[in-house]
Amino acid sequence: MDLDFELRSDYIPLCDLLKYCGVTETGGLAKMLIAEGMVSVDGEVELRKTCKIRTGQVVTGDGFEIHVH
């Protein structure tokens, strides 16, 4: 799943991005996925659930890639 996300503010918390893009059904599931080390931001594993994702970053995981614009 290759997705583009249009950012409408300075940043979006990582857990919210996963929920809004449909990677997980809930924010709780998104937080679990992040805590288990299953999500990378710009190629590096990210364990902070509310990491600020900004324009130009790429979030990846098993079966998904999200480009933030």
PDB file of N, CA and C in Angstrom:
ATOM      1  N   MET A   1       0.856  -1.170   0.000  1.00  0.00           N
ATOM      2  CA  MET A   1       0.000   0.000   0.000  1.00  0.00           C
ATOM      3  C   MET A   1       0.905   1.237   0.000  1.00  0.00           C
ATOM      4  N   ASP A   2       0.837   2.019  -1.059  1.00  0.00           N
ATOM      5  CA  ASP A   2       1.637   3.232  -1.208  1.00  0.00           C
ATOM      6  C   ASP A   2       0.674   4.418  -1.130  1.00  0.00           C
ATOM      7  N   LEU A   3       0.853   5.253  -0.110  1.00  0.00           N
ATOM      8  CA  LEU A   3      -0.099   6.335   0.144  1.00  0.00           C
ATOM      9  C   LEU A   3       0.574   7.698   0.137  1.00  0.00           C
ATOM     10  N   ASP A   4      -0.203   8.719  -0.223  1.00  0.00           N
ATOM     11  CA  ASP A   4       0.221  10.112  -0.095  1.00  0.00           C
ATOM     12  C   ASP A   4      -0.699  10.763   0.923  1.00  0.00           C
ATOM     13  N   PHE A   5      -0.106  11.523   1.855  1.00  0.00           N
ATOM     14  CA  PHE A   5      -0.896  12.216   2.873  1.00  0.00           C
ATOM     15  C   PHE A   5      -0.619  13.701   2.775  1.00  0.00           C
ATOM     16  N   GLU A   6      -1.675  14.483   2.611  1.00  0.00           N
ATOM     17  CA  GLU A   6      -1.565  15.947   2.505  1.00  0.00           C
ATOM     18  C   GLU A   6      -1.646  16.550   3.901  1.00  0.00           C
ATOM     19  N   LEU A   7      -0.540  17.085   4.382  1.00  0.00           N
ATOM     20  CA  LEU A   7      -0.467  17.679   5.719  1.00  0.00           C
ATOM     21  C   LEU A   7      -1.062  19.087   5.684  1.00  0.00           C
ATOM     22  N   ARG A   8      -1.947  19.375   6.620  1.00  0.00           N
ATOM     23  CA  ARG A   8      -2.618  20.680   6.635  1.00  0.00           C
ATOM     24  C   ARG A   8      -2.214  21.547   7.817  1.00  0.00           C
ATOM     25  N   SER A   9      -1.214  21.098   8.577  1.00  0.00           N
ATOM     26  CA  SER A   9      -0.690  21.880   9.697  1.00  0.00           C
ATOM     27  C   SER A   9       0.825  21.663   9.736  1.00  0.00           C
ATOM     28  N   ASP A  10       1.483  22.122  10.779  1.00  0.00           N
ATOM     29  CA  ASP A  10       2.937  21.982  10.868  1.00  0.00           C
ATOM     30  C   ASP A  10       3.372  20.524  10.944  1.00  0.00           C
ATOM     31  N   TYR A  11       2.579  19.704  11.650  1.00  0.00           N
ATOM     32  CA  TYR A  11       2.946  18.302  11.841  1.00  0.00           C
ATOM     33  C   TYR A  11       1.711  17.484  12.212  1.00  0.00           C
ATOM     34  N   ILE A  12       1.875  16.158  12.208  1.00  0.00           N
ATOM     35  CA  ILE A  12       0.845  15.241  12.670  1.00  0.00           C
ATOM     36  C   ILE A  12       1.540  14.180  13.525  1.00  0.00           C
ATOM     37  N   PRO A  13       0.974  13.827  14.679  1.00  0.00           N
ATOM     38  CA  PRO A  13       1.573  12.757  15.477  1.00  0.00           C
ATOM     39  C   PRO A  13       1.564  11.440  14.695  1.00  0.00           C
ATOM     40  N   LEU A  14       2.625  10.683  14.828  1.00  0.00           N
ATOM     41  CA  LEU A  14       2.778   9.434  14.081  1.00  0.00           C
ATOM     42  C   LEU A  14       1.591   8.497  14.270  1.00  0.00           C
ATOM     43  N   CYS A  15       1.116   8.318  15.491  1.00  0.00           N
ATOM     44  CA  CYS A  15      -0.002   7.398  15.731  1.00  0.00           C
ATOM     45  C   CYS A  15      -1.269   7.865  15.004  1.00  0.00           C
ATOM     46  N   ASP A  16      -1.489   9.165  14.937  1.00  0.00           N
ATOM     47  CA  ASP A  16      -2.662   9.699  14.226  1.00  0.00           C
ATOM     48  C   ASP A  16      -2.531   9.484  12.721  1.00  0.00           C
ATOM     49  N   LEU A  17      -1.329   9.650  12.185  1.00  0.00           N
ATOM     50  CA  LEU A  17      -1.100   9.446  10.758  1.00  0.00           C
ATOM     51  C   LEU A  17      -1.459   8.017  10.347  1.00  0.00           C
ATOM     52  N   LEU A  18      -1.030   7.046  11.136  1.00  0.00           N
ATOM     53  CA  LEU A  18      -1.319   5.644  10.818  1.00  0.00           C
ATOM     54  C   LEU A  18      -2.819   5.374  10.840  1.00  0.00           C
ATOM     55  N   LYS A  19      -3.506   5.987  11.790  1.00  0.00           N
ATOM     56  CA  LYS A  19      -4.961   5.811  11.887  1.00  0.00           C
ATOM     57  C   LYS A  19      -5.669   6.486  10.710  1.00  0.00           C
ATOM     58  N   TYR A  20      -5.314   7.719  10.406  1.00  0.00           N
ATOM     59  CA  TYR A  20      -5.974   8.459   9.325  1.00  0.00           C
ATOM     60  C   TYR A  20      -5.754   7.821   7.958  1.00  0.00           C
ATOM     61  N   CYS A  21      -4.586   7.212   7.760  1.00  0.00           N
ATOM     62  CA  CYS A  21      -4.274   6.586   6.466  1.00  0.00           C
ATOM     63  C   CYS A  21      -4.831   5.167   6.352  1.00  0.00           C
ATOM     64  N   GLY A  22      -5.456   4.674   7.413  1.00  0.00           N
ATOM     65  CA  GLY A  22      -6.069   3.356   7.360  1.00  0.00           C
ATOM     66  C   GLY A  22      -5.108   2.200   7.571  1.00  0.00           C
ATOM     67  N   VAL A  23      -3.905   2.487   8.045  1.00  0.00           N
ATOM     68  CA  VAL A  23      -2.956   1.407   8.343  1.00  0.00           C
ATOM     69  C   VAL A  23      -3.478   0.603   9.529  1.00  0.00           C
ATOM     70  N   THR A  24      -4.043   1.301  10.521  1.00  0.00           N
ATOM     71  CA  THR A  24      -4.688   0.645  11.659  1.00  0.00           C
ATOM     72  C   THR A  24      -6.104   1.203  11.790  1.00  0.00           C
ATOM     73  N   GLU A  25      -6.962   0.457  12.461  1.00  0.00           N
ATOM     74  CA  GLU A  25      -8.347   0.912  12.640  1.00  0.00           C
ATOM     75  C   GLU A  25      -8.481   1.920  13.763  1.00  0.00           C
ATOM     76  N   THR A  26      -7.602   1.831  14.770  1.00  0.00           N
ATOM     77  CA  THR A  26      -7.700   2.735  15.919  1.00  0.00           C
ATOM     78  C   THR A  26      -6.335   3.306  16.270  1.00  0.00           C
ATOM     79  N   GLY A  27      -6.360   4.373  17.050  1.00  0.00           N
ATOM     80  CA  GLY A  27      -5.118   4.962  17.537  1.00  0.00           C
ATOM     81  C   GLY A  27      -4.384   4.021  18.474  1.00  0.00           C
ATOM     82  N   GLY A  28      -5.131   3.229  19.232  1.00  0.00           N
ATOM     83  CA  GLY A  28      -4.517   2.266  20.151  1.00  0.00           C
ATOM     84  C   GLY A  28      -3.717   1.208  19.409  1.00  0.00           C
ATOM     85  N   LEU A  29      -4.270   0.727  18.311  1.00  0.00           N
ATOM     86  CA  LEU A  29      -3.545  -0.255  17.502  1.00  0.00           C
ATOM     87  C   LEU A  29      -2.311   0.376  16.873  1.00  0.00           C
ATOM     88  N   ALA A  30      -2.419   1.631  16.467  1.00  0.00           N
ATOM     89  CA  ALA A  30      -1.271   2.345  15.903  1.00  0.00           C
ATOM     90  C   ALA A  30      -0.160   2.456  16.941  1.00  0.00           C
ATOM     91  N   LYS A  31      -0.514   2.786  18.180  1.00  0.00           N
ATOM     92  CA  LYS A  31       0.478   2.910  19.253  1.00  0.00           C
ATOM     93  C   LYS A  31       1.163   1.581  19.527  1.00  0.00           C
ATOM     94  N   MET A  32       0.403   0.473  19.470  1.00  0.00           N
ATOM     95  CA  MET A  32       0.992  -0.848  19.675  1.00  0.00           C
ATOM     96  C   MET A  32       1.992  -1.176  18.564  1.00  0.00           C
ATOM     97  N   LEU A  33       1.619  -0.876  17.327  1.00  0.00           N
ATOM     98  CA  LEU A  33       2.485  -1.140  16.182  1.00  0.00           C
ATOM     99  C   LEU A  33       3.804  -0.371  16.318  1.00  0.00           C
ATOM    100  N   ILE A  34       3.709   0.880  16.748  1.00  0.00           N
ATOM    101  CA  ILE A  34       4.894   1.719  16.939  1.00  0.00           C
ATOM    102  C   ILE A  34       5.748   1.182  18.087  1.00  0.00           C
ATOM    103  N   ALA A  35       5.120   0.841  19.204  1.00  0.00           N
ATOM    104  CA  ALA A  35       5.840   0.343  20.380  1.00  0.00           C
ATOM    105  C   ALA A  35       6.585  -0.954  20.092  1.00  0.00           C
ATOM    106  N   GLU A  36       6.061  -1.753  19.172  1.00  0.00           N
ATOM    107  CA  GLU A  36       6.695  -3.026  18.822  1.00  0.00           C
ATOM    108  C   GLU A  36       7.826  -2.853  17.801  1.00  0.00           C
ATOM    109  N   GLY A  37       8.108  -1.601  17.410  1.00  0.00           N
ATOM    110  CA  GLY A  37       9.202  -1.334  16.487  1.00  0.00           C
ATOM    111  C   GLY A  37       8.893  -1.693  15.046  1.00  0.00           C
ATOM    112  N   MET A  38       7.607  -1.662  14.688  1.00  0.00           N
ATOM    113  CA  MET A  38       7.180  -2.068  13.350  1.00  0.00           C
ATOM    114  C   MET A  38       7.032  -0.906  12.373  1.00  0.00           C
ATOM    115  N   VAL A  39       7.377   0.315  12.821  1.00  0.00           N
ATOM    116  CA  VAL A  39       7.204   1.507  11.981  1.00  0.00           C
ATOM    117  C   VAL A  39       8.532   2.260  11.886  1.00  0.00           C
ATOM    118  N   SER A  40       8.866   2.686  10.672  1.00  0.00           N
ATOM    119  CA  SER A  40      10.085   3.466  10.457  1.00  0.00           C
ATOM    120  C   SER A  40       9.729   4.833   9.877  1.00  0.00           C
ATOM    121  N   VAL A  41      10.500   5.830  10.256  1.00  0.00           N
ATOM    122  CA  VAL A  41      10.356   7.175   9.715  1.00  0.00           C
ATOM    123  C   VAL A  41      11.677   7.520   9.043  1.00  0.00           C
ATOM    124  N   ASP A  42      11.623   7.811   7.774  1.00  0.00           N
ATOM    125  CA  ASP A  42      12.818   8.107   6.976  1.00  0.00           C
ATOM    126  C   ASP A  42      13.881   7.016   7.121  1.00  0.00           C
ATOM    127  N   GLY A  43      13.434   5.749   7.143  1.00  0.00           N
ATOM    128  CA  GLY A  43      14.355   4.619   7.172  1.00  0.00           C
ATOM    129  C   GLY A  43      14.859   4.188   8.535  1.00  0.00           C
ATOM    130  N   GLU A  44      14.452   4.881   9.608  1.00  0.00           N
ATOM    131  CA  GLU A  44      14.905   4.532  10.950  1.00  0.00           C
ATOM    132  C   GLU A  44      13.706   4.152  11.811  1.00  0.00           C
ATOM    133  N   VAL A  45      13.847   3.080  12.598  1.00  0.00           N
ATOM    134  CA  VAL A  45      12.756   2.631  13.465  1.00  0.00           C
ATOM    135  C   VAL A  45      12.411   3.748  14.438  1.00  0.00           C
ATOM    136  N   GLU A  46      11.120   4.023  14.567  1.00  0.00           N
ATOM    137  CA  GLU A  46      10.634   5.093  15.449  1.00  0.00           C
ATOM    138  C   GLU A  46       9.773   4.475  16.548  1.00  0.00           C
ATOM    139  N   LEU A  47      10.149   4.701  17.797  1.00  0.00           N
ATOM    140  CA  LEU A  47       9.415   4.143  18.932  1.00  0.00           C
ATOM    141  C   LEU A  47       8.570   5.181  19.670  1.00  0.00           C
ATOM    142  N   ARG A  48       8.694   6.448  19.288  1.00  0.00           N
ATOM    143  CA  ARG A  48       7.891   7.498  19.936  1.00  0.00           C
ATOM    144  C   ARG A  48       6.515   7.549  19.269  1.00  0.00           C
ATOM    145  N   LYS A  49       5.494   7.260  20.027  1.00  0.00           N
ATOM    146  CA  LYS A  49       4.136   7.163  19.477  1.00  0.00           C
ATOM    147  C   LYS A  49       3.641   8.483  18.912  1.00  0.00           C
ATOM    148  N   THR A  50       4.016   9.585  19.537  1.00  0.00           N
ATOM    149  CA  THR A  50       3.528  10.888  19.094  1.00  0.00           C
ATOM    150  C   THR A  50       4.626  11.695  18.398  1.00  0.00           C
ATOM    151  N   CYS A  51       5.586  10.995  17.811  1.00  0.00           N
ATOM    152  CA  CYS A  51       6.643  11.654  17.041  1.00  0.00           C
ATOM    153  C   CYS A  51       6.000  12.592  16.017  1.00  0.00           C
ATOM    154  N   LYS A  52       6.527  13.807  15.900  1.00  0.00           N
ATOM    155  CA  LYS A  52       5.962  14.793  14.976  1.00  0.00           C
ATOM    156  C   LYS A  52       6.405  14.494  13.547  1.00  0.00           C
ATOM    157  N   ILE A  53       5.455  14.165  12.701  1.00  0.00           N
ATOM    158  CA  ILE A  53       5.726  13.877  11.305  1.00  0.00           C
ATOM    159  C   ILE A  53       5.441  15.142  10.508  1.00  0.00           C
ATOM    160  N   ARG A  54       6.438  15.555   9.736  1.00  0.00           N
ATOM    161  CA  ARG A  54       6.342  16.800   8.985  1.00  0.00           C
ATOM    162  C   ARG A  54       6.427  16.548   7.474  1.00  0.00           C
ATOM    163  N   THR A  55       6.135  17.589   6.705  1.00  0.00           N
ATOM    164  CA  THR A  55       6.198  17.515   5.251  1.00  0.00           C
ATOM    165  C   THR A  55       7.563  17.000   4.791  1.00  0.00           C
ATOM    166  N   GLY A  56       7.535  16.091   3.815  1.00  0.00           N
ATOM    167  CA  GLY A  56       8.765  15.564   3.251  1.00  0.00           C
ATOM    168  C   GLY A  56       9.216  14.247   3.862  1.00  0.00           C
ATOM    169  N   GLN A  57       8.607  13.842   4.975  1.00  0.00           N
ATOM    170  CA  GLN A  57       9.008  12.593   5.609  1.00  0.00           C
ATOM    171  C   GLN A  57       8.272  11.406   4.995  1.00  0.00           C
ATOM    172  N   VAL A  58       8.889  10.234   5.119  1.00  0.00           N
ATOM    173  CA  VAL A  58       8.302   8.996   4.615  1.00  0.00           C
ATOM    174  C   VAL A  58       8.187   8.015   5.782  1.00  0.00           C
ATOM    175  N   VAL A  59       6.977   7.506   5.997  1.00  0.00           N
ATOM    176  CA  VAL A  59       6.704   6.557   7.072  1.00  0.00           C
ATOM    177  C   VAL A  59       6.455   5.197   6.427  1.00  0.00           C
ATOM    178  N   THR A  60       7.187   4.177   6.888  1.00  0.00           N
ATOM    179  CA  THR A  60       7.058   2.849   6.305  1.00  0.00           C
ATOM    180  C   THR A  60       6.858   1.787   7.378  1.00  0.00           C
ATOM    181  N   GLY A  61       6.340   0.659   6.928  1.00  0.00           N
ATOM    182  CA  GLY A  61       6.149  -0.493   7.795  1.00  0.00           C
ATOM    183  C   GLY A  61       5.819  -1.683   6.934  1.00  0.00           C
ATOM    184  N   ASP A  62       5.392  -2.763   7.556  1.00  0.00           N
ATOM    185  CA  ASP A  62       5.089  -3.992   6.830  1.00  0.00           C
ATOM    186  C   ASP A  62       3.875  -3.785   5.929  1.00  0.00           C
ATOM    187  N   GLY A  63       4.126  -3.630   4.639  1.00  0.00           N
ATOM    188  CA  GLY A  63       3.038  -3.514   3.676  1.00  0.00           C
ATOM    189  C   GLY A  63       2.528  -2.110   3.411  1.00  0.00           C
ATOM    190  N   PHE A  64       3.188  -1.087   3.951  1.00  0.00           N
ATOM    191  CA  PHE A  64       2.734   0.284   3.677  1.00  0.00           C
ATOM    192  C   PHE A  64       3.897   1.261   3.590  1.00  0.00           C
ATOM    193  N   GLU A  65       3.664   2.317   2.826  1.00  0.00           N
ATOM    194  CA  GLU A  65       4.614   3.426   2.708  1.00  0.00           C
ATOM    195  C   GLU A  65       3.786   4.695   2.550  1.00  0.00           C
ATOM    196  N   ILE A  66       3.990   5.656   3.453  1.00  0.00           N
ATOM    197  CA  ILE A  66       3.226   6.892   3.442  1.00  0.00           C
ATOM    198  C   ILE A  66       4.180   8.060   3.169  1.00  0.00           C
ATOM    199  N   HIS A  67       3.895   8.812   2.103  1.00  0.00           N
ATOM    200  CA  HIS A  67       4.669  10.005   1.765  1.00  0.00           C
ATOM    201  C   HIS A  67       3.858  11.204   2.243  1.00  0.00           C
ATOM    202  N   VAL A  68       4.486  12.033   3.095  1.00  0.00           N
ATOM    203  CA  VAL A  68       3.795  13.198   3.654  1.00  0.00           C
ATOM    204  C   VAL A  68       4.152  14.436   2.828  1.00  0.00           C
ATOM    205  N   HIS A  69       3.128  15.125   2.328  1.00  0.00           N
ATOM    206  CA  HIS A  69       3.321  16.337   1.504  1.00  0.00           C
ATOM    207  C   HIS A  69       2.714  17.529   2.190  1.00  0.00           C
TER     208      HIS A  69
END
